[in-house]
Amino acid sequence: MRDHMIIPAAASVNNSSKHKMEKKVTQKELSKLASKGDYTGRTIDPARRHKEHQRDGLDGTMYFAKTENMKKAENRLLEKCPCPDNTQRTSNAPSSPGYVYVYKK
């Protein structure tokens, strides 16, 4: 079984005019975005996580992709992402299905 599922790009609803939107992308696209990202992480619910980040003051567009192994996918993104807001450089995610994401301001 592959580690990552490919999801066609599709924009979701912009929840706030102050904060940018969430955007679903492929793993390949997300990997390219990570090299210029500001923050990366993982979640099982991208919309809820985006709202939590908005409340915490993290601004930007949240690009996310589905994965079969959040730990492996997040570690790959952390290797590529300069992500100054990430204090943790190794994933503590479970090795289960979910989503990984990158924020860009």
Protein backbone atom coordinates (compact mmCIF):
# COMPACT_ATOMS: atom_id res chain seq x y z
CA MET A 1 0.00 0.00 0.00
CA ARG A 2 1.21 3.51 -0.78
CA ASP A 3 2.06 5.88 2.05
CA HIS A 4 0.11 8.75 0.53
CA MET A 5 -3.15 9.09 -1.33
CA ILE A 6 -3.38 11.60 -4.16
CA ILE A 7 -6.24 14.07 -3.78
CA PRO A 8 -7.16 16.43 -6.64
CA ALA A 9 -6.70 20.11 -5.78
CA ALA A 10 -9.91 21.85 -4.69
CA ALA A 11 -10.39 25.01 -2.61
CA SER A 12 -12.64 24.92 0.44
CA VAL A 13 -14.70 27.66 2.01
CA ASN A 14 -12.88 30.76 3.28
CA ASN A 15 -14.00 30.99 6.90
CA SER A 16 -12.78 34.51 7.56
CA SER A 17 -11.87 37.56 5.53
CA LYS A 18 -9.00 38.30 7.95
CA HIS A 19 -7.48 34.83 7.57
CA LYS A 20 -6.88 33.08 4.31
CA MET A 21 -8.49 29.85 3.22
CA GLU A 22 -7.76 26.17 3.43
CA LYS A 23 -6.82 24.46 0.17
CA LYS A 24 -6.65 20.73 -0.53
CA VAL A 25 -3.64 19.74 -2.66
CA THR A 26 -1.73 16.59 -3.62
CA GLN A 27 1.17 15.25 -1.54
CA LYS A 28 3.55 16.27 -4.33
CA GLU A 29 2.23 19.85 -4.34
CA LEU A 30 2.38 19.99 -0.54
CA SER A 31 5.99 18.81 -0.57
CA LYS A 32 6.93 21.67 -2.92
CA LEU A 33 5.05 24.19 -0.76
CA ALA A 34 6.87 22.96 2.36
CA SER A 35 10.21 24.34 1.16
CA LYS A 36 8.75 27.85 1.49
CA GLY A 37 6.30 27.17 4.31
CA ASP A 38 5.90 28.96 7.62
CA TYR A 39 4.38 26.13 9.67
CA THR A 40 3.56 22.45 9.18
CA GLY A 41 1.55 19.88 11.12
CA ARG A 42 -0.93 17.04 10.99
CA THR A 43 -4.59 16.55 11.87
CA ILE A 44 -7.60 14.32 11.35
CA ASP A 45 -9.87 17.34 10.73
CA PRO A 46 -8.32 20.13 8.58
CA ALA A 47 -11.26 22.55 8.95
CA ARG A 48 -11.25 22.33 12.75
CA ARG A 49 -7.46 22.64 12.93
CA HIS A 50 -7.55 25.69 10.64
CA LYS A 51 -10.06 27.38 12.99
CA GLU A 52 -7.86 26.54 16.00
CA HIS A 53 -4.84 28.09 14.29
CA GLN A 54 -6.89 31.19 13.43
CA ARG A 55 -7.83 31.57 17.11
CA ASP A 56 -4.14 31.21 18.03
CA GLY A 57 -3.19 33.97 15.57
CA LEU A 58 -1.55 31.87 12.84
CA ASP A 59 -2.34 33.68 9.61
CA GLY A 60 -1.98 32.42 6.05
CA THR A 61 -3.31 29.78 3.73
CA MET A 62 -3.49 26.21 5.01
CA TYR A 63 -2.60 23.72 2.27
CA PHE A 64 -3.41 20.13 3.22
CA ALA A 65 -3.27 16.64 1.76
CA LYS A 66 -4.62 13.26 2.83
CA THR A 67 -2.12 10.62 3.94
CA GLU A 68 -2.23 7.00 5.08
CA ASN A 69 0.59 7.62 7.61
CA MET A 70 0.58 11.01 9.35
CA LYS A 71 3.88 10.43 11.18
CA LYS A 72 5.86 9.56 8.05
CA ALA A 73 4.26 12.34 5.99
CA GLU A 74 4.79 15.01 8.66
CA ASN A 75 8.45 14.01 9.10
CA ARG A 76 8.99 14.39 5.34
CA LEU A 77 7.46 17.87 5.43
CA LEU A 78 9.53 18.88 8.47
CA GLU A 79 12.71 17.89 6.60
CA LYS A 80 11.84 20.32 3.78
CA CYS A 81 10.14 23.13 5.68
CA PRO A 82 12.19 25.98 7.18
CA CYS A 83 9.02 26.59 9.25
CA PRO A 84 10.27 29.10 11.83
CA ASP A 85 7.09 28.60 13.89
CA ASN A 86 7.69 24.84 14.31
CA THR A 87 9.63 24.27 17.52
CA GLN A 88 9.29 20.50 17.18
CA ARG A 89 11.35 19.07 14.31
CA THR A 90 10.22 15.42 14.58
CA SER A 91 6.64 14.21 14.35
CA ASN A 92 4.93 12.76 17.40
CA ALA A 93 1.87 11.83 15.31
CA PRO A 94 0.47 8.31 15.25
CA SER A 95 1.23 6.22 12.15
CA SER A 96 -2.42 6.33 11.12
CA PRO A 97 -4.44 7.93 8.30
CA GLY A 98 -5.21 11.64 8.41
CA TYR A 99 -4.00 14.89 6.88
CA VAL A 100 -0.75 16.83 6.84
CA TYR A 101 -0.61 20.55 6.16
CA VAL A 102 1.62 23.52 5.47
CA TYR A 103 0.80 27.16 6.20
CA LYS A 104 2.11 29.91 3.97
CA LYS A 105 1.67 33.58 4.85
